[in-house]
Amino acid sequence: MKKILFALFSLMIIIGLVACDGEEAQGKDVTSVETSDDENVEETEEINEVVADNDMVKATLVSVDYIEDKDWDEERYEIRFEVENKREDTIEVQAREVSTDGKMVDESLLMMSQEISGGKVADAVLEIEDYSGGDLPDMDENLEMILHVFSWDDMEVIEDIDVSIDF
């Protein structure tokens, strides 16, 4: 009986592997796409603007993406920063006091926390997403926030950088 179960289990695994066919999914480089109401929407605004540059950190706003997943009825913004740690110790970069078009964004809608080793560069992504199915705040005119930088070695705040981007 054990041999029969083992043989059936082995056969199921082989069929599963053959069905996968070893094909890999390929991503698409999307810069600006708007589709019909039945499909997902992704809009990207490339910015590449240095928002902070001092002896400790350099931060460049790379892009602002609006992503709408109609299958799951979700929408979100992804604001991408490239952050260079000019220090020797590890730092953490977080978004604080975020507002869009002059209105504060509820902290429960925000997520951004990126650890960066000394002398390295990392992508930090600020996500603004309403997980409860509500509406996202408008982001037509501007985005303001504090880029909060602190050290994990001594938990000391290194700097709070005011960031203001006009669209």
C-alpha atoms as a PDB file:
ATOM      1  CA  MET A   1       0.000   0.000   0.000  1.00  0.00           C
ATOM      2  CA  LYS A   2       2.851   2.411   0.856  1.00  0.00           C
ATOM      3  CA  LYS A   3       4.528   1.654  -2.473  1.00  0.00           C
ATOM      4  CA  ILE A   4       1.329   2.476  -4.380  1.00  0.00           C
ATOM      5  CA  LEU A   5       0.879   5.787  -2.498  1.00  0.00           C
ATOM      6  CA  PHE A   6       4.538   6.647  -3.068  1.00  0.00           C
ATOM      7  CA  ALA A   7       4.206   5.893  -6.794  1.00  0.00           C
ATOM      8  CA  LEU A   8       1.047   8.031  -7.100  1.00  0.00           C
ATOM      9  CA  PHE A   9       2.663  10.900  -5.205  1.00  0.00           C
ATOM     10  CA  SER A  10       5.768  10.710  -7.423  1.00  0.00           C
ATOM     11  CA  LEU A  11       3.599  10.699 -10.539  1.00  0.00           C
ATOM     12  CA  MET A  12       1.731  13.821  -9.342  1.00  0.00           C
ATOM     13  CA  ILE A  13       5.005  15.660  -8.766  1.00  0.00           C
ATOM     14  CA  ILE A  14       6.313  14.709 -12.214  1.00  0.00           C
ATOM     15  CA  ILE A  15       3.074  15.855 -13.872  1.00  0.00           C
ATOM     16  CA  GLY A  16       3.267  19.140 -11.947  1.00  0.00           C
ATOM     17  CA  LEU A  17       6.850  19.748 -13.043  1.00  0.00           C
ATOM     18  CA  VAL A  18       6.075  18.956 -16.656  1.00  0.00           C
ATOM     19  CA  ALA A  19       3.078  21.304 -16.564  1.00  0.00           C
ATOM     20  CA  CYS A  20       5.312  24.166 -15.403  1.00  0.00           C
ATOM     21  CA  ASP A  21       7.414  23.673 -18.556  1.00  0.00           C
ATOM     22  CA  GLY A  22      10.278  25.701 -17.089  1.00  0.00           C
ATOM     23  CA  GLU A  23       9.029  28.959 -18.612  1.00  0.00           C
ATOM     24  CA  GLU A  24       9.808  32.164 -16.755  1.00  0.00           C
ATOM     25  CA  ALA A  25       7.573  35.205 -16.611  1.00  0.00           C
ATOM     26  CA  GLN A  26       9.075  38.313 -18.150  1.00  0.00           C
ATOM     27  CA  GLY A  27       8.412  41.787 -16.808  1.00  0.00           C
ATOM     28  CA  LYS A  28       7.512  44.736 -18.971  1.00  0.00           C
ATOM     29  CA  ASP A  29       9.030  48.183 -18.773  1.00  0.00           C
ATOM     30  CA  VAL A  30       5.976  50.397 -18.382  1.00  0.00           C
ATOM     31  CA  THR A  31       6.401  54.153 -18.363  1.00  0.00           C
ATOM     32  CA  SER A  32       2.808  55.243 -18.867  1.00  0.00           C
ATOM     33  CA  VAL A  33      -0.123  52.964 -19.496  1.00  0.00           C
ATOM     34  CA  GLU A  34      -3.847  53.578 -19.361  1.00  0.00           C
ATOM     35  CA  THR A  35      -6.159  50.713 -20.256  1.00  0.00           C
ATOM     36  CA  SER A  36      -9.861  50.010 -20.526  1.00  0.00           C
ATOM     37  CA  ASP A  37     -12.139  49.731 -17.499  1.00  0.00           C
ATOM     38  CA  ASP A  38     -11.744  45.946 -17.378  1.00  0.00           C
ATOM     39  CA  GLU A  39      -7.962  45.963 -16.980  1.00  0.00           C
ATOM     40  CA  ASN A  40      -5.405  47.255 -14.505  1.00  0.00           C
ATOM     41  CA  VAL A  41      -3.986  50.767 -14.742  1.00  0.00           C
ATOM     42  CA  GLU A  42      -0.421  51.904 -14.100  1.00  0.00           C
ATOM     43  CA  GLU A  43       0.766  55.457 -14.612  1.00  0.00           C
ATOM     44  CA  THR A  44       4.362  56.473 -13.981  1.00  0.00           C
ATOM     45  CA  GLU A  45       5.764  59.968 -13.777  1.00  0.00           C
ATOM     46  CA  GLU A  46       9.569  59.931 -14.036  1.00  0.00           C
ATOM     47  CA  ILE A  47      11.035  62.800 -11.992  1.00  0.00           C
ATOM     48  CA  ASN A  48      14.748  62.189 -11.132  1.00  0.00           C
ATOM     49  CA  GLU A  49      15.053  65.220  -8.836  1.00  0.00           C
ATOM     50  CA  VAL A  50      17.584  65.477  -5.998  1.00  0.00           C
ATOM     51  CA  VAL A  51      15.601  66.366  -2.874  1.00  0.00           C
ATOM     52  CA  ALA A  52      18.455  66.207  -0.352  1.00  0.00           C
ATOM     53  CA  ASP A  53      22.251  66.209  -0.610  1.00  0.00           C
ATOM     54  CA  ASN A  54      24.538  66.815   2.351  1.00  0.00           C
ATOM     55  CA  ASP A  55      27.547  65.191   4.071  1.00  0.00           C
ATOM     56  CA  MET A  56      25.455  62.297   5.393  1.00  0.00           C
ATOM     57  CA  VAL A  57      22.813  61.392   2.823  1.00  0.00           C
ATOM     58  CA  LYS A  58      21.760  62.036  -0.765  1.00  0.00           C
ATOM     59  CA  ALA A  59      18.142  61.385  -1.750  1.00  0.00           C
ATOM     60  CA  THR A  60      16.785  61.508  -5.284  1.00  0.00           C
ATOM     61  CA  LEU A  61      13.082  61.287  -6.088  1.00  0.00           C
ATOM     62  CA  VAL A  62      13.039  58.837  -9.005  1.00  0.00           C
ATOM     63  CA  SER A  63       9.359  58.409  -9.871  1.00  0.00           C
ATOM     64  CA  VAL A  64       5.758  58.530  -8.744  1.00  0.00           C
ATOM     65  CA  ASP A  65       3.639  55.552  -9.796  1.00  0.00           C
ATOM     66  CA  TYR A  66      -0.136  55.298  -9.601  1.00  0.00           C
ATOM     67  CA  ILE A  67      -1.221  51.652  -9.672  1.00  0.00           C
ATOM     68  CA  GLU A  68      -4.806  50.455  -9.853  1.00  0.00           C
ATOM     69  CA  ASP A  69      -5.570  46.744  -9.592  1.00  0.00           C
ATOM     70  CA  LYS A  70      -9.155  46.387 -10.761  1.00  0.00           C
ATOM     71  CA  ASP A  71      -9.179  42.640 -10.074  1.00  0.00           C
ATOM     72  CA  TRP A  72      -8.752  43.283  -6.340  1.00  0.00           C
ATOM     73  CA  ASP A  73     -10.352  46.773  -6.323  1.00  0.00           C
ATOM     74  CA  GLU A  74      -7.151  48.303  -4.929  1.00  0.00           C
ATOM     75  CA  GLU A  75      -5.232  51.432  -5.806  1.00  0.00           C
ATOM     76  CA  ARG A  76      -1.976  52.843  -4.494  1.00  0.00           C
ATOM     77  CA  TYR A  77       0.842  55.290  -5.070  1.00  0.00           C
ATOM     78  CA  GLU A  78       4.464  54.176  -5.072  1.00  0.00           C
ATOM     79  CA  ILE A  79       6.883  57.079  -4.647  1.00  0.00           C
ATOM     80  CA  ARG A  80      10.426  55.858  -5.375  1.00  0.00           C
ATOM     81  CA  PHE A  81      13.544  57.423  -3.889  1.00  0.00           C
ATOM     82  CA  GLU A  82      17.162  56.437  -4.436  1.00  0.00           C
ATOM     83  CA  VAL A  83      19.002  57.097  -1.178  1.00  0.00           C
ATOM     84  CA  GLU A  84      22.776  57.083  -0.752  1.00  0.00           C
ATOM     85  CA  ASN A  85      24.203  56.622   2.757  1.00  0.00           C
ATOM     86  CA  LYS A  86      27.404  58.696   2.905  1.00  0.00           C
ATOM     87  CA  ARG A  87      28.127  57.578   6.475  1.00  0.00           C
ATOM     88  CA  GLU A  88      30.014  54.499   7.639  1.00  0.00           C
ATOM     89  CA  ASP A  89      27.253  53.155   9.888  1.00  0.00           C
ATOM     90  CA  THR A  90      23.872  51.726   8.915  1.00  0.00           C
ATOM     91  CA  ILE A  91      20.973  54.153   8.696  1.00  0.00           C
ATOM     92  CA  GLU A  92      17.209  53.825   8.397  1.00  0.00           C
ATOM     93  CA  VAL A  93      15.139  56.120   6.174  1.00  0.00           C
ATOM     94  CA  GLN A  94      11.433  56.610   6.861  1.00  0.00           C
ATOM     95  CA  ALA A  95       8.645  58.914   5.660  1.00  0.00           C
ATOM     96  CA  ARG A  96       6.948  61.127   8.237  1.00  0.00           C
ATOM     97  CA  GLU A  97       4.235  63.811   8.138  1.00  0.00           C
ATOM     98  CA  VAL A  98       3.221  63.102   4.535  1.00  0.00           C
ATOM     99  CA  SER A  99       0.745  65.430   2.836  1.00  0.00           C
ATOM    100  CA  THR A 100      -0.585  65.623  -0.709  1.00  0.00           C
ATOM    101  CA  ASP A 101      -2.149  68.739  -2.222  1.00  0.00           C
ATOM    102  CA  GLY A 102      -2.015  70.448   1.188  1.00  0.00           C
ATOM    103  CA  LYS A 103      -3.868  67.695   3.078  1.00  0.00           C
ATOM    104  CA  MET A 104      -2.219  65.354   5.603  1.00  0.00           C
ATOM    105  CA  VAL A 105      -2.263  61.654   4.733  1.00  0.00           C
ATOM    106  CA  ASP A 106      -3.371  59.289   7.512  1.00  0.00           C
ATOM    107  CA  GLU A 107      -0.383  57.310   8.838  1.00  0.00           C
ATOM    108  CA  SER A 108      -2.331  54.059   8.470  1.00  0.00           C
ATOM    109  CA  LEU A 109      -2.140  54.517   4.671  1.00  0.00           C
ATOM    110  CA  LEU A 110       1.671  54.947   4.634  1.00  0.00           C
ATOM    111  CA  MET A 111       4.557  52.525   4.526  1.00  0.00           C
ATOM    112  CA  MET A 112       8.228  53.395   4.017  1.00  0.00           C
ATOM    113  CA  SER A 113      11.181  52.133   5.969  1.00  0.00           C
ATOM    114  CA  GLN A 114      14.484  51.290   4.286  1.00  0.00           C
ATOM    115  CA  GLU A 115      17.721  50.216   5.933  1.00  0.00           C
ATOM    116  CA  ILE A 116      20.908  51.309   4.139  1.00  0.00           C
ATOM    117  CA  SER A 117      24.394  50.059   5.009  1.00  0.00           C
ATOM    118  CA  GLY A 118      27.295  52.491   5.255  1.00  0.00           C
ATOM    119  CA  GLY A 119      28.529  53.740   1.896  1.00  0.00           C
ATOM    120  CA  LYS A 120      25.696  52.000  -0.017  1.00  0.00           C
ATOM    121  CA  VAL A 121      22.746  53.089  -2.149  1.00  0.00           C
ATOM    122  CA  ALA A 122      19.219  51.675  -1.801  1.00  0.00           C
ATOM    123  CA  ASP A 123      15.765  52.216  -3.257  1.00  0.00           C
ATOM    124  CA  ALA A 124      13.281  53.457  -0.678  1.00  0.00           C
ATOM    125  CA  VAL A 125       9.627  53.223  -1.719  1.00  0.00           C
ATOM    126  CA  LEU A 126       6.861  55.202  -0.051  1.00  0.00           C
ATOM    127  CA  GLU A 127       3.582  53.344  -0.539  1.00  0.00           C
ATOM    128  CA  ILE A 128       0.292  55.134  -0.001  1.00  0.00           C
ATOM    129  CA  GLU A 129      -2.510  52.578  -0.071  1.00  0.00           C
ATOM    130  CA  ASP A 130      -5.954  52.425   1.486  1.00  0.00           C
ATOM    131  CA  TYR A 131      -6.348  48.817   2.641  1.00  0.00           C
ATOM    132  CA  SER A 132      -9.948  49.364   3.724  1.00  0.00           C
ATOM    133  CA  GLY A 133     -11.226  50.013   0.197  1.00  0.00           C
ATOM    134  CA  GLY A 134     -11.575  53.785   0.619  1.00  0.00           C
ATOM    135  CA  ASP A 135     -10.342  56.476  -1.719  1.00  0.00           C
ATOM    136  CA  LEU A 136      -6.727  57.539  -1.995  1.00  0.00           C
ATOM    137  CA  PRO A 137      -5.899  61.190  -1.381  1.00  0.00           C
ATOM    138  CA  ASP A 138      -5.493  63.362  -4.489  1.00  0.00           C
ATOM    139  CA  MET A 139      -1.914  63.932  -5.630  1.00  0.00           C
ATOM    140  CA  ASP A 140      -2.248  66.458  -8.442  1.00  0.00           C
ATOM    141  CA  GLU A 141      -0.339  69.519  -7.206  1.00  0.00           C
ATOM    142  CA  ASN A 142       2.324  68.490  -4.697  1.00  0.00           C
ATOM    143  CA  LEU A 143       3.753  66.025  -2.192  1.00  0.00           C
ATOM    144  CA  GLU A 144       5.324  67.134   1.082  1.00  0.00           C
ATOM    145  CA  MET A 145       6.953  64.976   3.727  1.00  0.00           C
ATOM    146  CA  ILE A 146       9.807  64.658   6.172  1.00  0.00           C
ATOM    147  CA  LEU A 147      12.529  62.187   5.243  1.00  0.00           C
ATOM    148  CA  HIS A 148      13.409  60.885   8.710  1.00  0.00           C
ATOM    149  CA  VAL A 149      16.974  59.502   8.874  1.00  0.00           C
ATOM    150  CA  PHE A 150      18.322  57.789  11.985  1.00  0.00           C
ATOM    151  CA  SER A 151      21.140  55.463  13.015  1.00  0.00           C
ATOM    152  CA  TRP A 152      20.494  51.909  14.205  1.00  0.00           C
ATOM    153  CA  ASP A 153      23.812  51.934  16.101  1.00  0.00           C
ATOM    154  CA  ASP A 154      22.740  54.466  18.710  1.00  0.00           C
ATOM    155  CA  MET A 155      19.101  55.190  17.694  1.00  0.00           C
ATOM    156  CA  GLU A 156      20.127  58.824  17.262  1.00  0.00           C
ATOM    157  CA  VAL A 157      18.186  60.942  14.792  1.00  0.00           C
ATOM    158  CA  ILE A 158      20.663  62.018  12.168  1.00  0.00           C
ATOM    159  CA  GLU A 159      18.445  64.365  10.270  1.00  0.00           C
ATOM    160  CA  ASP A 160      14.865  65.245   9.380  1.00  0.00           C
ATOM    161  CA  ILE A 161      14.843  66.516   5.795  1.00  0.00           C
ATOM    162  CA  ASP A 162      11.884  68.531   4.525  1.00  0.00           C
ATOM    163  CA  VAL A 163      10.877  67.301   1.067  1.00  0.00           C
ATOM    164  CA  SER A 164       8.508  69.266  -1.149  1.00  0.00           C
ATOM    165  CA  ILE A 165       7.745  68.220  -4.728  1.00  0.00           C
ATOM    166  CA  ASP A 166       5.490  70.188  -7.063  1.00  0.00           C
ATOM    167  CA  PHE A 167       3.883  68.310  -9.967  1.00  0.00           C
END
